[in-house]
């Protein structure tokens, strides 16, 4: 109960870029995402080949 006042007593946050401006927190999708995508494709192809061999 004593901590409830401190949690509710925080004011609004006014940080961050204005709408329409490029954000500094944008994350580029490059090496890691392409490796995950390539791995997913390779795994899917392996599963398809294994399924065809079994049938």
Protein backbone atom coordinates (compact mmCIF):
# COMPACT_ATOMS: atom_id res chain seq x y z
CA UNK A 1 0.00 0.00 0.00
CA UNK A 2 2.83 2.41 0.76
CA UNK A 3 4.33 1.96 -2.72
CA UNK A 4 1.04 2.52 -4.56
CA UNK A 5 1.38 6.31 -4.25
CA UNK A 6 4.84 6.37 -5.81
CA UNK A 7 3.69 4.28 -8.77
CA UNK A 8 0.66 6.46 -9.46
CA UNK A 9 2.54 9.71 -8.80
CA UNK A 10 4.59 9.50 -12.00
CA UNK A 11 3.85 12.19 -14.54
CA UNK A 12 3.42 11.70 -18.29
CA UNK A 13 6.54 10.89 -20.27
CA UNK A 14 7.39 13.47 -22.94
CA UNK A 15 10.30 11.67 -24.62
CA UNK A 16 10.60 10.28 -28.12
CA UNK A 17 10.59 11.71 -31.62
CA UNK A 18 7.71 13.71 -33.03
CA UNK A 19 5.32 11.89 -35.37
CA UNK A 20 6.57 11.78 -38.94
CA UNK A 21 10.26 12.03 -38.09
CA UNK A 22 12.60 9.04 -38.41
CA UNK A 23 12.97 7.32 -35.07
CA UNK A 24 16.40 6.75 -33.61
CA UNK A 25 15.21 3.37 -32.33
CA UNK A 26 14.57 1.81 -35.74
CA UNK A 27 16.17 -1.61 -35.99
CA UNK A 28 17.69 -2.63 -39.31
CA UNK A 29 16.79 -6.13 -40.47
CA UNK A 30 19.97 -7.42 -42.02
CA UNK A 31 22.31 -10.32 -41.20
CA UNK A 32 20.48 -12.00 -38.34
CA UNK A 33 17.06 -11.97 -39.94
CA UNK A 34 18.39 -13.27 -43.25
CA UNK A 35 20.19 -16.12 -41.48
CA UNK A 36 17.01 -17.08 -39.66
CA UNK A 37 15.04 -16.95 -42.89
CA UNK A 38 17.62 -19.06 -44.74
CA UNK A 39 17.65 -21.58 -41.90
CA UNK A 40 13.86 -21.83 -41.96
CA UNK A 41 13.84 -22.41 -45.71
CA UNK A 42 16.55 -25.08 -45.44
CA UNK A 43 14.68 -26.84 -42.64
CA UNK A 44 11.44 -26.76 -44.61
CA UNK A 45 13.13 -28.25 -47.68
CA UNK A 46 14.68 -30.99 -45.56
CA UNK A 47 11.28 -31.85 -44.08
CA UNK A 48 9.73 -32.00 -47.55
CA UNK A 49 12.48 -34.28 -48.85
CA UNK A 50 12.19 -36.57 -45.84
CA UNK A 51 8.41 -36.77 -46.30
CA UNK A 52 8.76 -37.71 -49.98
CA UNK A 53 11.33 -40.42 -49.19
CA UNK A 54 8.99 -41.90 -46.58
CA UNK A 55 5.95 -42.07 -48.88
